[in-house]
């Protein structure tokens, strides 16, 4: 199997690319900023992926599309440029890759749901309430209609064992001595480990998985519960974790509140066992102690 990681200098794409390189897999990664050695320069908004895709020969090829504007508020305030990346360019890339006989893995989001129900399965109707979710929802419909062979992974919050930007655990560790930790009241969510996402991509590539799958630990926690578990295991339990109304956070766009994901479809079809949130916390603390 040969892999093409589009967006290999991002939070998720960078991990997938570096992990594949480390494990000796044949992988090509692209980045609009060549921050990692070996990446191929590619600006999705200015060029076609065709030339890069053609250089990878063979019958067994998987492309993982990690290029996206995933900042919810920026998708609202910078709508045109965000839509260009998340919808228009994404459609072009998938079409080009499909024509090149690639098996495509596309990352979607739990924000395709309105957050009124929780514990969503792949059978539940989507109804995004923010622009980011609407863009991903549009892409899902496009893929199901035009390219049903694409594998769509809906992702919740992705957690890393590294101290890095965008990792919720690293952010909480940095704030461990703050007077209070503010959480959104009523928000319930799932999480998934980067390592599990990596393993799921390998399984999907090997088995040519098609359709939509939820990748998550299978657990659903409130933000306050997630924070309390982390600080307790960090050894600074009893932190002042305050739940505030969502309007207190000054977001530019709406946030769905109850967006937990049911992972049973992927788990039953593949036998894969996802890490629990507690295991993710332990891995993070062991690595950074």
Protein backbone atom coordinates (compact mmCIF):
# COMPACT_ATOMS: atom_id res chain seq x y z
CA UNK A 1 0.00 0.00 0.00
CA UNK A 2 1.21 3.49 -0.90
CA UNK A 3 -0.14 6.49 0.97
CA UNK A 4 -0.64 10.13 0.05
CA UNK A 5 -1.28 12.46 3.00
CA UNK A 6 -2.72 15.77 1.81
CA UNK A 7 -2.06 18.31 4.55
CA UNK A 8 0.86 16.56 6.22
CA UNK A 9 1.99 19.52 8.31
CA UNK A 10 -1.26 19.89 10.24
CA UNK A 11 -2.25 18.57 13.65
CA UNK A 12 -3.67 15.28 12.36
CA UNK A 13 -2.00 15.01 8.96
CA UNK A 14 1.44 15.62 10.42
CA UNK A 15 1.00 12.79 12.89
CA UNK A 16 -0.20 10.37 10.23
CA UNK A 17 2.70 11.25 7.92
CA UNK A 18 5.41 11.06 10.59
CA UNK A 19 4.03 7.83 12.05
CA UNK A 20 3.95 6.19 8.63
CA UNK A 21 7.50 7.31 7.92
CA UNK A 22 8.63 6.01 11.30
CA UNK A 23 7.04 2.62 10.65
CA UNK A 24 8.59 2.30 7.21
CA UNK A 25 5.43 2.68 5.13
CA UNK A 26 5.63 4.15 1.65
CA UNK A 27 4.10 7.60 2.11
CA UNK A 28 4.13 10.96 0.36
CA UNK A 29 3.04 14.05 2.27
CA UNK A 30 2.09 17.52 1.07
CA UNK A 31 2.12 20.84 2.86
CA UNK A 32 1.47 24.46 1.96
CA UNK A 33 4.33 25.31 4.32
CA UNK A 34 7.18 22.82 4.05
CA UNK A 35 7.86 22.67 7.76
CA UNK A 36 8.82 19.00 7.80
CA UNK A 37 11.62 17.40 5.86
CA UNK A 38 10.46 15.50 2.80
CA UNK A 39 7.08 17.16 2.27
CA UNK A 40 5.98 18.11 -1.23
CA UNK A 41 4.81 21.71 -1.56
CA UNK A 42 1.12 21.95 -2.42
CA UNK A 43 -1.32 24.84 -1.97
CA UNK A 44 -4.75 23.35 -2.52
CA UNK A 45 -6.28 26.74 -3.34
CA UNK A 46 -3.76 27.54 -6.06
CA UNK A 47 -2.96 24.27 -7.78
CA UNK A 48 -4.20 20.83 -8.73
CA UNK A 49 -3.20 17.67 -6.89
CA UNK A 50 -3.06 15.86 -10.23
CA UNK A 51 0.71 16.14 -10.80
CA UNK A 52 1.50 14.84 -7.32
CA UNK A 53 -1.04 12.03 -7.56
CA UNK A 54 0.31 10.83 -10.92
CA UNK A 55 3.81 10.37 -9.52
CA UNK A 56 2.58 7.65 -7.18
CA UNK A 57 2.24 4.49 -9.21
CA UNK A 58 0.79 1.09 -8.47
CA UNK A 59 -2.64 -0.41 -7.84
CA UNK A 60 -2.79 -0.15 -4.05
CA UNK A 61 -2.96 3.57 -3.25
CA UNK A 62 -4.78 5.42 -0.48
CA UNK A 63 -5.09 9.20 -0.21
CA UNK A 64 -6.01 10.73 3.15
CA UNK A 65 -7.50 14.20 2.86
CA UNK A 66 -6.43 16.27 5.90
CA UNK A 67 -6.58 19.73 4.30
CA UNK A 68 -9.30 21.81 5.96
CA UNK A 69 -10.11 25.02 7.74
CA UNK A 70 -11.36 23.48 10.98
CA UNK A 71 -11.58 26.62 13.12
CA UNK A 72 -15.31 27.00 13.67
CA UNK A 73 -15.29 30.77 14.14
CA UNK A 74 -13.01 31.41 11.16
CA UNK A 75 -15.38 29.42 8.97
CA UNK A 76 -17.96 32.04 9.95
CA UNK A 77 -15.86 35.20 9.81
CA UNK A 78 -13.77 34.11 6.80
CA UNK A 79 -16.55 32.28 5.03
CA UNK A 80 -15.46 32.60 1.39
CA UNK A 81 -11.87 31.43 1.91
CA UNK A 82 -12.98 28.68 4.28
CA UNK A 83 -15.57 27.41 1.82
CA UNK A 84 -12.96 27.42 -0.92
CA UNK A 85 -10.80 25.05 1.15
CA UNK A 86 -13.49 22.94 2.81
CA UNK A 87 -15.85 22.46 -0.14
CA UNK A 88 -14.74 23.67 -3.56
CA UNK A 89 -11.12 22.53 -3.38
CA UNK A 90 -12.05 19.36 -1.49
CA UNK A 91 -14.46 18.34 -4.25
CA UNK A 92 -11.79 18.94 -6.89
CA UNK A 93 -9.21 16.89 -4.99
CA UNK A 94 -11.53 13.94 -4.40
CA UNK A 95 -12.51 13.90 -8.08
CA UNK A 96 -8.88 13.95 -9.21
CA UNK A 97 -7.88 11.22 -6.77
CA UNK A 98 -10.82 9.02 -7.68
CA UNK A 99 -9.91 9.31 -11.35
CA UNK A 100 -6.38 8.28 -10.42
CA UNK A 101 -7.70 5.07 -8.82
CA UNK A 102 -6.97 6.13 -5.26
CA UNK A 103 -8.96 4.85 -2.33
CA UNK A 104 -9.84 8.07 -0.50
CA UNK A 105 -10.27 8.63 3.24
CA UNK A 106 -12.03 11.90 4.06
CA UNK A 107 -12.27 13.45 7.53
CA UNK A 108 -15.59 14.94 8.56
CA UNK A 109 -16.74 16.15 11.97
CA UNK A 110 -19.21 15.66 14.82
CA UNK A 111 -20.34 19.23 14.04
CA UNK A 112 -22.56 17.91 11.23
CA UNK A 113 -25.08 17.27 14.03
CA UNK A 114 -27.16 19.93 15.80
CA UNK A 115 -26.38 18.62 19.29
CA UNK A 116 -30.01 18.15 20.30
CA UNK A 117 -29.86 14.36 20.72
CA UNK A 118 -26.39 13.07 21.54
CA UNK A 119 -24.96 9.57 21.16
CA UNK A 120 -25.27 9.88 17.39
CA UNK A 121 -24.93 6.88 15.10
CA UNK A 122 -24.18 6.95 11.38
CA UNK A 123 -27.91 6.46 10.73
CA UNK A 124 -28.89 9.71 12.43
CA UNK A 125 -29.87 12.69 10.27
CA UNK A 126 -27.35 15.51 10.10
CA UNK A 127 -28.42 19.10 10.75
CA UNK A 128 -25.38 21.34 11.18
CA UNK A 129 -25.88 24.66 12.97
CA UNK A 130 -22.50 26.32 12.28
CA UNK A 131 -20.80 27.10 8.98
CA UNK A 132 -17.99 24.59 9.54
CA UNK A 133 -20.48 21.79 10.11
CA UNK A 134 -22.56 22.88 7.12
CA UNK A 135 -19.50 22.74 4.85
CA UNK A 136 -18.66 19.24 6.03
CA UNK A 137 -22.30 18.21 5.75
CA UNK A 138 -22.36 19.43 2.14
CA UNK A 139 -19.20 17.44 1.42
CA UNK A 140 -20.71 14.30 2.93
CA UNK A 141 -23.77 14.59 0.67
CA UNK A 142 -21.52 15.20 -2.34
CA UNK A 143 -19.39 12.16 -1.59
CA UNK A 144 -22.33 9.87 -0.98
CA UNK A 145 -23.93 10.95 -4.26
CA UNK A 146 -20.86 11.18 -6.51
CA UNK A 147 -18.15 9.03 -4.87
CA UNK A 148 -19.80 6.43 -2.59
CA UNK A 149 -16.55 4.45 -2.54
CA UNK A 150 -14.92 7.13 -0.36
CA UNK A 151 -14.43 6.31 3.34
CA UNK A 152 -15.71 9.14 5.55
CA UNK A 153 -14.48 9.32 9.13
CA UNK A 154 -16.47 11.62 11.41
CA UNK A 155 -14.12 12.82 14.12
CA UNK A 156 -14.75 14.30 17.57
CA UNK A 157 -12.00 16.10 19.53
CA UNK A 158 -8.70 14.41 18.65
CA UNK A 159 -6.29 14.00 21.59
CA UNK A 160 -2.53 13.60 21.40
CA UNK A 161 0.11 12.23 23.76
CA UNK A 162 2.31 15.21 22.85
CA UNK A 163 2.56 18.67 24.34
CA UNK A 164 1.38 20.57 21.29
CA UNK A 165 -0.97 23.27 20.12
CA UNK A 166 -4.58 22.11 19.56
CA UNK A 167 -4.20 19.28 22.09
CA UNK A 168 -6.80 19.82 24.82
CA UNK A 169 -4.73 17.88 27.37
CA UNK A 170 -1.67 20.05 26.81
CA UNK A 171 -3.80 23.17 27.18
CA UNK A 172 -5.21 21.96 30.46
CA UNK A 173 -1.77 21.02 31.77
CA UNK A 174 -0.54 24.53 31.00
CA UNK A 175 -3.50 25.97 32.91
CA UNK A 176 -3.25 23.64 35.89
CA UNK A 177 -2.54 26.45 38.36
CA UNK A 178 -5.20 28.85 37.05
CA UNK A 179 -7.74 30.02 39.59
CA UNK A 180 -10.52 28.47 37.56
CA UNK A 181 -11.05 26.36 34.47
CA UNK A 182 -14.00 27.49 32.38
CA UNK A 183 -16.12 24.89 30.56
CA UNK A 184 -19.25 25.20 28.45
CA UNK A 185 -22.33 24.27 30.44
CA UNK A 186 -24.27 21.41 28.92
CA UNK A 187 -21.63 20.42 26.38
CA UNK A 188 -21.25 16.65 26.05
CA UNK A 189 -18.76 15.16 23.65
CA UNK A 190 -16.62 12.23 22.61
CA UNK A 191 -12.86 12.10 22.03
CA UNK A 192 -10.49 9.93 20.01
CA UNK A 193 -6.75 9.27 20.33
CA UNK A 194 -4.45 10.17 17.45
CA UNK A 195 -3.04 6.66 17.60
CA UNK A 196 -6.50 5.15 17.16
CA UNK A 197 -7.16 7.43 14.21
CA UNK A 198 -3.89 6.25 12.66
CA UNK A 199 -4.75 2.58 13.14
CA UNK A 200 -8.25 3.15 11.77
CA UNK A 201 -6.78 4.69 8.61
CA UNK A 202 -4.57 1.65 8.06
CA UNK A 203 -7.54 -0.68 8.52
CA UNK A 204 -9.71 1.37 6.17
CA UNK A 205 -6.97 1.41 3.54
CA UNK A 206 -6.32 -2.32 3.76
CA UNK A 207 -9.99 -3.26 3.65
CA UNK A 208 -11.08 -0.51 1.21
CA UNK A 209 -13.77 0.67 3.61
CA UNK A 210 -16.56 2.76 2.11
CA UNK A 211 -19.22 4.99 3.61
CA UNK A 212 -19.44 6.82 6.93
CA UNK A 213 -17.89 5.74 10.23
CA UNK A 214 -17.70 7.38 13.64
CA UNK A 215 -14.28 7.23 15.27
CA UNK A 216 -14.39 7.84 19.00
CA UNK A 217 -13.62 6.19 22.30
CA UNK A 218 -17.32 5.38 22.52
CA UNK A 219 -17.59 7.31 25.79
CA UNK A 220 -19.51 10.55 26.22
CA UNK A 221 -18.45 13.10 28.82
CA UNK A 222 -19.26 16.66 29.71
CA UNK A 223 -16.38 19.13 29.36
CA UNK A 224 -16.34 19.44 33.14
CA UNK A 225 -16.03 15.66 33.57
CA UNK A 226 -13.16 15.49 31.07
CA UNK A 227 -11.32 18.27 32.88
CA UNK A 228 -11.94 16.77 36.33
CA UNK A 229 -10.57 13.36 35.26
CA UNK A 230 -7.46 14.95 33.78
CA UNK A 231 -6.65 17.12 36.80
CA UNK A 232 -7.30 14.28 39.23
CA UNK A 233 -4.82 12.04 37.39
CA UNK A 234 -2.40 14.94 37.09
CA UNK A 235 -2.40 15.15 40.88
CA UNK A 236 -4.08 18.53 41.18
CA UNK A 237 -7.63 17.36 41.80
CA UNK A 238 -10.16 19.74 43.23
CA UNK A 239 -9.49 22.43 40.62
CA UNK A 240 -12.19 25.06 40.41
CA UNK A 241 -13.90 23.90 37.20
CA UNK A 242 -16.69 26.33 36.38
CA UNK A 243 -19.48 25.67 33.91
CA UNK A 244 -20.71 28.79 32.13
CA UNK A 245 -23.41 29.41 29.56
CA UNK A 246 -22.10 29.16 26.03
CA UNK A 247 -22.91 32.83 25.44
CA UNK A 248 -20.22 33.76 27.99
CA UNK A 249 -17.44 32.59 25.63
CA UNK A 250 -17.90 35.12 22.85
CA UNK A 251 -17.94 32.62 19.99
CA UNK A 252 -18.59 34.00 16.52
CA UNK A 253 -20.66 31.00 15.45
CA UNK A 254 -22.93 28.48 17.12
CA UNK A 255 -21.74 25.32 18.88
CA UNK A 256 -23.78 22.12 19.10
CA UNK A 257 -23.91 21.00 22.72
CA UNK A 258 -24.55 17.25 22.88
CA UNK A 259 -22.46 15.68 20.08
CA UNK A 260 -21.29 12.35 21.48
CA UNK A 261 -20.56 9.73 18.82
CA UNK A 262 -21.47 6.02 18.87
CA UNK A 263 -18.48 4.04 17.52
CA UNK A 264 -20.19 0.64 17.32
CA UNK A 265 -20.37 0.43 13.50
CA UNK A 266 -16.61 0.62 12.97
CA UNK A 267 -15.93 -1.49 16.05
CA UNK A 268 -18.29 -4.28 15.01
CA UNK A 269 -17.10 -4.37 11.39
CA UNK A 270 -13.39 -4.39 12.22
CA UNK A 271 -13.06 -5.68 15.80
CA UNK A 272 -11.04 -2.58 16.66
CA UNK A 273 -10.79 -1.58 20.32
CA UNK A 274 -10.59 2.17 20.93
CA UNK A 275 -8.60 3.66 23.80
CA UNK A 276 -10.64 4.98 26.70
CA UNK A 277 -10.28 8.60 27.71
CA UNK A 278 -8.58 7.49 30.95
CA UNK A 279 -6.02 5.56 28.90
CA UNK A 280 -5.36 8.64 26.75
CA UNK A 281 -4.73 10.73 29.85
CA UNK A 282 -2.36 8.10 31.28
CA UNK A 283 -0.45 7.92 28.00
CA UNK A 284 -0.10 11.70 27.93
CA UNK A 285 1.11 11.91 31.53
CA UNK A 286 3.57 9.04 31.14
CA UNK A 287 5.08 10.62 28.04
CA UNK A 288 5.37 14.08 29.58
CA UNK A 289 6.24 13.29 33.19
